[in-house]
């Protein structure tokens, strides 16, 4: 008997999966949502790179095994150094990067868990599914 292939179940922060492309986990339902459409092109691209961090090797839970609140797989690091590495922003663009992160957060795609600037650590963010209801209230 062959093994039965498990059906992919999207995480709460992912799209509905109406278009079955689980390789990127950004579905047409998200791309066509009011929240995503309201973002600027730079903010959209930044979110795509943030989403890549979901699969990243460095996770807050791995670096902080004793802190239970940081164990979720929906948590990720992002900062200016990473944005510069990806070619998204120049090293002097801190203000623009964090304004774009705030916009992504305001649209319900992420939330800030820990700001790293004050204590010279990496900022920690969490993916959310609030984008699905953005603008409906």
C-alpha atoms as a PDB file:
ATOM      1  CA  UNK A   1       0.000   0.000   0.000  1.00  0.00           C
ATOM      2  CA  UNK A   2       1.281   3.440  -0.892  1.00  0.00           C
ATOM      3  CA  UNK A   3       1.373   6.256   1.569  1.00  0.00           C
ATOM      4  CA  UNK A   4      -1.407   8.727   1.266  1.00  0.00           C
ATOM      5  CA  UNK A   5      -0.287  12.258   0.500  1.00  0.00           C
ATOM      6  CA  UNK A   6      -1.280  14.685   3.250  1.00  0.00           C
ATOM      7  CA  UNK A   7      -3.366  17.614   2.095  1.00  0.00           C
ATOM      8  CA  UNK A   8      -1.707  20.956   2.778  1.00  0.00           C
ATOM      9  CA  UNK A   9      -3.583  23.057   5.323  1.00  0.00           C
ATOM     10  CA  UNK A  10      -2.710  26.759   5.137  1.00  0.00           C
ATOM     11  CA  UNK A  11      -1.559  28.473   8.334  1.00  0.00           C
ATOM     12  CA  UNK A  12      -3.882  31.163   9.743  1.00  0.00           C
ATOM     13  CA  UNK A  13      -1.703  33.948   8.295  1.00  0.00           C
ATOM     14  CA  UNK A  14      -1.680  32.409   4.811  1.00  0.00           C
ATOM     15  CA  UNK A  15      -4.222  32.802   2.066  1.00  0.00           C
ATOM     16  CA  UNK A  16      -7.238  30.601   1.636  1.00  0.00           C
ATOM     17  CA  UNK A  17      -5.449  28.351  -0.806  1.00  0.00           C
ATOM     18  CA  UNK A  18      -8.076  28.675  -3.526  1.00  0.00           C
ATOM     19  CA  UNK A  19      -5.254  28.499  -6.027  1.00  0.00           C
ATOM     20  CA  UNK A  20      -3.183  25.469  -5.039  1.00  0.00           C
ATOM     21  CA  UNK A  21       0.388  26.643  -5.159  1.00  0.00           C
ATOM     22  CA  UNK A  22       1.921  25.748  -1.812  1.00  0.00           C
ATOM     23  CA  UNK A  23       5.471  26.426  -2.938  1.00  0.00           C
ATOM     24  CA  UNK A  24       5.283  30.109  -2.049  1.00  0.00           C
ATOM     25  CA  UNK A  25       2.220  30.060   0.198  1.00  0.00           C
ATOM     26  CA  UNK A  26       1.074  33.384  -1.188  1.00  0.00           C
ATOM     27  CA  UNK A  27      -2.140  32.649  -2.997  1.00  0.00           C
ATOM     28  CA  UNK A  28      -4.212  34.635  -5.422  1.00  0.00           C
ATOM     29  CA  UNK A  29      -6.709  35.337  -2.640  1.00  0.00           C
ATOM     30  CA  UNK A  30      -4.006  37.305  -0.819  1.00  0.00           C
ATOM     31  CA  UNK A  31      -2.657  39.031  -3.910  1.00  0.00           C
ATOM     32  CA  UNK A  32      -6.153  40.206  -4.827  1.00  0.00           C
ATOM     33  CA  UNK A  33      -7.175  41.194  -1.288  1.00  0.00           C
ATOM     34  CA  UNK A  34      -7.990  44.818  -0.496  1.00  0.00           C
ATOM     35  CA  UNK A  35      -5.198  44.901   2.086  1.00  0.00           C
ATOM     36  CA  UNK A  36      -2.500  43.704  -0.319  1.00  0.00           C
ATOM     37  CA  UNK A  37      -3.729  45.914  -3.152  1.00  0.00           C
ATOM     38  CA  UNK A  38      -3.546  48.959  -0.857  1.00  0.00           C
ATOM     39  CA  UNK A  39       0.174  48.443  -0.172  1.00  0.00           C
ATOM     40  CA  UNK A  40       2.752  50.178  -2.343  1.00  0.00           C
ATOM     41  CA  UNK A  41       4.834  48.048  -4.693  1.00  0.00           C
ATOM     42  CA  UNK A  42       7.842  48.370  -2.386  1.00  0.00           C
ATOM     43  CA  UNK A  43       5.768  47.283   0.605  1.00  0.00           C
ATOM     44  CA  UNK A  44       4.449  44.283  -1.328  1.00  0.00           C
ATOM     45  CA  UNK A  45       7.961  43.230  -2.276  1.00  0.00           C
ATOM     46  CA  UNK A  46       9.138  43.709   1.302  1.00  0.00           C
ATOM     47  CA  UNK A  47       6.342  41.426   2.498  1.00  0.00           C
ATOM     48  CA  UNK A  48       7.374  38.746  -0.009  1.00  0.00           C
ATOM     49  CA  UNK A  49      10.918  38.848   1.390  1.00  0.00           C
ATOM     50  CA  UNK A  50       9.538  38.755   4.917  1.00  0.00           C
ATOM     51  CA  UNK A  51       7.513  35.717   3.954  1.00  0.00           C
ATOM     52  CA  UNK A  52      10.724  34.049   2.834  1.00  0.00           C
ATOM     53  CA  UNK A  53      11.837  34.312   6.465  1.00  0.00           C
ATOM     54  CA  UNK A  54       9.107  31.843   7.396  1.00  0.00           C
ATOM     55  CA  UNK A  55      11.362  29.219   5.867  1.00  0.00           C
ATOM     56  CA  UNK A  56      14.568  30.815   7.151  1.00  0.00           C
ATOM     57  CA  UNK A  57      17.179  28.955   9.132  1.00  0.00           C
ATOM     58  CA  UNK A  58      17.368  31.435  11.987  1.00  0.00           C
ATOM     59  CA  UNK A  59      14.167  31.455  13.992  1.00  0.00           C
ATOM     60  CA  UNK A  60      13.551  33.269  17.286  1.00  0.00           C
ATOM     61  CA  UNK A  61      12.476  30.027  18.970  1.00  0.00           C
ATOM     62  CA  UNK A  62      15.679  28.281  18.026  1.00  0.00           C
ATOM     63  CA  UNK A  63      17.757  31.149  19.373  1.00  0.00           C
ATOM     64  CA  UNK A  64      15.649  31.445  22.552  1.00  0.00           C
ATOM     65  CA  UNK A  65      14.648  27.894  23.526  1.00  0.00           C
ATOM     66  CA  UNK A  66      13.730  28.909  27.081  1.00  0.00           C
ATOM     67  CA  UNK A  67      11.232  31.611  26.074  1.00  0.00           C
ATOM     68  CA  UNK A  68       7.911  29.914  25.331  1.00  0.00           C
ATOM     69  CA  UNK A  69       6.355  32.975  23.681  1.00  0.00           C
ATOM     70  CA  UNK A  70       9.036  32.834  20.958  1.00  0.00           C
ATOM     71  CA  UNK A  71       8.473  29.203  19.953  1.00  0.00           C
ATOM     72  CA  UNK A  72       5.857  29.741  17.233  1.00  0.00           C
ATOM     73  CA  UNK A  73       6.814  28.920  13.658  1.00  0.00           C
ATOM     74  CA  UNK A  74       4.993  32.084  12.586  1.00  0.00           C
ATOM     75  CA  UNK A  75       7.717  34.247  14.159  1.00  0.00           C
ATOM     76  CA  UNK A  76      10.648  35.615  12.183  1.00  0.00           C
ATOM     77  CA  UNK A  77      13.506  38.089  12.278  1.00  0.00           C
ATOM     78  CA  UNK A  78      13.803  41.087   9.989  1.00  0.00           C
ATOM     79  CA  UNK A  79      15.965  44.206  10.120  1.00  0.00           C
ATOM     80  CA  UNK A  80      17.707  46.788   7.984  1.00  0.00           C
ATOM     81  CA  UNK A  81      20.801  44.632   7.478  1.00  0.00           C
ATOM     82  CA  UNK A  82      18.668  41.883   5.970  1.00  0.00           C
ATOM     83  CA  UNK A  83      16.751  44.348   3.787  1.00  0.00           C
ATOM     84  CA  UNK A  84      20.072  45.742   2.528  1.00  0.00           C
ATOM     85  CA  UNK A  85      21.376  42.214   1.896  1.00  0.00           C
ATOM     86  CA  UNK A  86      18.306  41.506  -0.258  1.00  0.00           C
ATOM     87  CA  UNK A  87      18.847  44.763  -2.168  1.00  0.00           C
ATOM     88  CA  UNK A  88      15.512  46.215  -1.054  1.00  0.00           C
ATOM     89  CA  UNK A  89      16.840  49.298   0.760  1.00  0.00           C
ATOM     90  CA  UNK A  90      20.073  51.261   1.067  1.00  0.00           C
ATOM     91  CA  UNK A  91      21.853  51.218   4.413  1.00  0.00           C
ATOM     92  CA  UNK A  92      20.727  54.805   5.040  1.00  0.00           C
ATOM     93  CA  UNK A  93      17.042  53.968   4.488  1.00  0.00           C
ATOM     94  CA  UNK A  94      16.172  52.912   8.047  1.00  0.00           C
ATOM     95  CA  UNK A  95      13.280  55.383   8.312  1.00  0.00           C
ATOM     96  CA  UNK A  96      11.704  54.210   5.029  1.00  0.00           C
ATOM     97  CA  UNK A  97      12.115  50.520   5.877  1.00  0.00           C
ATOM     98  CA  UNK A  98      10.396  50.877   9.231  1.00  0.00           C
ATOM     99  CA  UNK A  99       7.646  53.044   7.732  1.00  0.00           C
ATOM    100  CA  UNK A 100       7.010  50.263   5.195  1.00  0.00           C
ATOM    101  CA  UNK A 101       7.052  47.607   7.942  1.00  0.00           C
ATOM    102  CA  UNK A 102       4.505  49.716   9.866  1.00  0.00           C
ATOM    103  CA  UNK A 103       2.269  49.852   6.777  1.00  0.00           C
ATOM    104  CA  UNK A 104       2.477  46.057   6.383  1.00  0.00           C
ATOM    105  CA  UNK A 105       1.583  45.723  10.050  1.00  0.00           C
ATOM    106  CA  UNK A 106      -1.294  48.227   9.769  1.00  0.00           C
ATOM    107  CA  UNK A 107      -2.693  46.162   6.884  1.00  0.00           C
ATOM    108  CA  UNK A 108      -2.804  43.038   9.049  1.00  0.00           C
ATOM    109  CA  UNK A 109      -0.006  40.919   7.568  1.00  0.00           C
ATOM    110  CA  UNK A 110       2.385  41.001  10.528  1.00  0.00           C
ATOM    111  CA  UNK A 111       2.645  42.260  14.079  1.00  0.00           C
ATOM    112  CA  UNK A 112       5.713  43.414  15.976  1.00  0.00           C
ATOM    113  CA  UNK A 113       6.671  41.083  18.808  1.00  0.00           C
ATOM    114  CA  UNK A 114       9.949  42.736  19.803  1.00  0.00           C
ATOM    115  CA  UNK A 115      11.724  45.838  18.539  1.00  0.00           C
ATOM    116  CA  UNK A 116      15.427  45.210  18.512  1.00  0.00           C
ATOM    117  CA  UNK A 117      16.775  48.711  18.013  1.00  0.00           C
ATOM    118  CA  UNK A 118      16.734  49.785  21.668  1.00  0.00           C
ATOM    119  CA  UNK A 119      18.689  46.777  22.903  1.00  0.00           C
ATOM    120  CA  UNK A 120      20.742  46.154  19.736  1.00  0.00           C
ATOM    121  CA  UNK A 121      19.075  42.838  18.875  1.00  0.00           C
ATOM    122  CA  UNK A 122      17.129  41.739  15.836  1.00  0.00           C
ATOM    123  CA  UNK A 123      13.481  42.726  15.647  1.00  0.00           C
ATOM    124  CA  UNK A 124      11.001  39.864  15.873  1.00  0.00           C
ATOM    125  CA  UNK A 125       7.732  39.823  13.950  1.00  0.00           C
ATOM    126  CA  UNK A 126       4.798  37.443  13.709  1.00  0.00           C
ATOM    127  CA  UNK A 127       2.665  36.686  10.679  1.00  0.00           C
ATOM    128  CA  UNK A 128      -1.056  37.307  11.200  1.00  0.00           C
ATOM    129  CA  UNK A 129      -4.204  36.666   9.226  1.00  0.00           C
ATOM    130  CA  UNK A 130      -5.755  40.034  10.032  1.00  0.00           C
ATOM    131  CA  UNK A 131      -5.280  41.104   6.388  1.00  0.00           C
ATOM    132  CA  UNK A 132      -8.329  38.974   5.557  1.00  0.00           C
ATOM    133  CA  UNK A 133     -10.630  41.427   7.377  1.00  0.00           C
ATOM    134  CA  UNK A 134      -8.649  44.636   6.792  1.00  0.00           C
ATOM    135  CA  UNK A 135     -10.863  47.568   5.885  1.00  0.00           C
ATOM    136  CA  UNK A 136     -14.101  45.777   6.730  1.00  0.00           C
ATOM    137  CA  UNK A 137     -14.760  47.579   9.994  1.00  0.00           C
END
